[in-house]
Amino acid sequence: MQVVMLILSLIAAMIVLVFLIVVLGFWMKGLSSIVFPGVGLIISTPYMFGILLCTEIIMVLLAAYSVSKLGVARRA
């Protein structure tokens, strides 16, 4: 079960990292807000960057916790 949690958290961290890079690219090009027309949302680019950065940190910490509980780091 811990291996599955590790794999899922690593995949989720990679997906969030890709979104983080895309939003940072939009922000660097001068886009001040991102519009989601189907949902009816307008989100500030710096706010979305902050949310994605916090999510990425949490996902990496979850993966590190999973590795420590798995015992792979202790065998090396």
C-alpha atoms as a PDB file:
ATOM      1  CA  MET A   1       0.000   0.000   0.000  1.00  0.00           C
ATOM      2  CA  GLN A   2       2.870   2.356   0.785  1.00  0.00           C
ATOM      3  CA  VAL A   3       4.440   1.693  -2.603  1.00  0.00           C
ATOM      4  CA  VAL A   4       1.176   2.620  -4.309  1.00  0.00           C
ATOM      5  CA  MET A   5       0.963   5.824  -2.252  1.00  0.00           C
ATOM      6  CA  LEU A   6       4.562   6.655  -3.188  1.00  0.00           C
ATOM      7  CA  ILE A   7       3.948   6.110  -6.892  1.00  0.00           C
ATOM      8  CA  LEU A   8       0.704   8.103  -6.896  1.00  0.00           C
ATOM      9  CA  SER A   9       2.248  10.993  -4.977  1.00  0.00           C
ATOM     10  CA  LEU A  10       5.208  11.112  -7.361  1.00  0.00           C
ATOM     11  CA  ILE A  11       2.933  11.114 -10.411  1.00  0.00           C
ATOM     12  CA  ALA A  12       0.766  13.835  -8.888  1.00  0.00           C
ATOM     13  CA  ALA A  13       3.879  15.872  -8.031  1.00  0.00           C
ATOM     14  CA  MET A  14       5.069  15.626 -11.638  1.00  0.00           C
ATOM     15  CA  ILE A  15       1.696  16.763 -12.973  1.00  0.00           C
ATOM     16  CA  VAL A  16       1.577  19.688 -10.547  1.00  0.00           C
ATOM     17  CA  LEU A  17       5.147  20.608 -11.526  1.00  0.00           C
ATOM     18  CA  VAL A  18       4.166  20.756 -15.205  1.00  0.00           C
ATOM     19  CA  PHE A  19       1.214  23.031 -14.370  1.00  0.00           C
ATOM     20  CA  LEU A  20       3.510  25.144 -12.190  1.00  0.00           C
ATOM     21  CA  ILE A  21       5.960  25.619 -15.063  1.00  0.00           C
ATOM     22  CA  VAL A  22       3.147  26.504 -17.482  1.00  0.00           C
ATOM     23  CA  VAL A  23       1.637  29.072 -15.093  1.00  0.00           C
ATOM     24  CA  LEU A  24       5.082  30.569 -14.449  1.00  0.00           C
ATOM     25  CA  GLY A  25       5.569  30.857 -18.197  1.00  0.00           C
ATOM     26  CA  PHE A  26       2.234  32.637 -18.571  1.00  0.00           C
ATOM     27  CA  TRP A  27       3.115  34.969 -15.708  1.00  0.00           C
ATOM     28  CA  MET A  28       6.542  35.782 -17.199  1.00  0.00           C
ATOM     29  CA  LYS A  29       4.903  36.638 -20.530  1.00  0.00           C
ATOM     30  CA  GLY A  30       2.734  39.211 -18.770  1.00  0.00           C
ATOM     31  CA  LEU A  31      -0.554  37.363 -18.396  1.00  0.00           C
ATOM     32  CA  SER A  32      -2.207  38.798 -15.307  1.00  0.00           C
ATOM     33  CA  SER A  33      -5.103  36.361 -15.019  1.00  0.00           C
ATOM     34  CA  ILE A  34      -6.147  32.941 -16.296  1.00  0.00           C
ATOM     35  CA  VAL A  35      -9.735  32.498 -17.484  1.00  0.00           C
ATOM     36  CA  PHE A  36     -11.650  29.220 -17.276  1.00  0.00           C
ATOM     37  CA  PRO A  37     -14.661  29.909 -19.530  1.00  0.00           C
ATOM     38  CA  GLY A  38     -16.545  26.655 -18.971  1.00  0.00           C
ATOM     39  CA  VAL A  39     -16.437  27.051 -15.210  1.00  0.00           C
ATOM     40  CA  GLY A  40     -16.803  30.820 -15.131  1.00  0.00           C
ATOM     41  CA  LEU A  41     -13.616  31.462 -13.142  1.00  0.00           C
ATOM     42  CA  ILE A  42     -11.011  34.171 -13.478  1.00  0.00           C
ATOM     43  CA  ILE A  43      -7.939  33.495 -11.328  1.00  0.00           C
ATOM     44  CA  SER A  44      -4.958  35.791 -10.828  1.00  0.00           C
ATOM     45  CA  THR A  45      -1.764  34.260 -12.209  1.00  0.00           C
ATOM     46  CA  PRO A  46       0.356  34.993  -9.091  1.00  0.00           C
ATOM     47  CA  TYR A  47      -2.381  33.502  -6.885  1.00  0.00           C
ATOM     48  CA  MET A  48      -2.507  30.344  -9.008  1.00  0.00           C
ATOM     49  CA  PHE A  49       1.289  30.144  -8.950  1.00  0.00           C
ATOM     50  CA  GLY A  50       1.241  30.319  -5.144  1.00  0.00           C
ATOM     51  CA  ILE A  51      -1.415  27.626  -4.863  1.00  0.00           C
ATOM     52  CA  LEU A  52       0.484  25.320  -7.222  1.00  0.00           C
ATOM     53  CA  LEU A  53       3.770  25.961  -5.396  1.00  0.00           C
ATOM     54  CA  CYS A  54       2.209  25.066  -2.032  1.00  0.00           C
ATOM     55  CA  THR A  55       0.630  21.966  -3.563  1.00  0.00           C
ATOM     56  CA  GLU A  56       3.978  20.914  -5.050  1.00  0.00           C
ATOM     57  CA  ILE A  57       5.712  21.282  -1.693  1.00  0.00           C
ATOM     58  CA  ILE A  58       3.035  19.191   0.012  1.00  0.00           C
ATOM     59  CA  MET A  59       3.255  16.488  -2.649  1.00  0.00           C
ATOM     60  CA  VAL A  60       7.052  16.272  -2.371  1.00  0.00           C
ATOM     61  CA  LEU A  61       6.836  16.080   1.422  1.00  0.00           C
ATOM     62  CA  LEU A  62       4.232  13.311   1.108  1.00  0.00           C
ATOM     63  CA  ALA A  63       6.538  11.388  -1.233  1.00  0.00           C
ATOM     64  CA  ALA A  64       9.480  11.837   1.162  1.00  0.00           C
ATOM     65  CA  TYR A  65       7.313  10.596   4.034  1.00  0.00           C
ATOM     66  CA  SER A  66       6.307   7.564   1.977  1.00  0.00           C
ATOM     67  CA  VAL A  67       9.948   6.751   1.223  1.00  0.00           C
ATOM     68  CA  SER A  68      10.871   6.993   4.891  1.00  0.00           C
ATOM     69  CA  LYS A  69       8.007   4.680   5.891  1.00  0.00           C
ATOM     70  CA  LEU A  70       8.795   2.245   3.093  1.00  0.00           C
ATOM     71  CA  GLY A  71      12.271   1.549   4.390  1.00  0.00           C
ATOM     72  CA  VAL A  72      14.072   1.843   1.052  1.00  0.00           C
ATOM     73  CA  ALA A  73      16.272   4.614   2.406  1.00  0.00           C
ATOM     74  CA  ARG A  74      17.361   2.500   5.397  1.00  0.00           C
ATOM     75  CA  ARG A  75      18.580  -0.421   3.287  1.00  0.00           C
ATOM     76  CA  ALA A  76      21.098   1.644   1.312  1.00  0.00           C
END
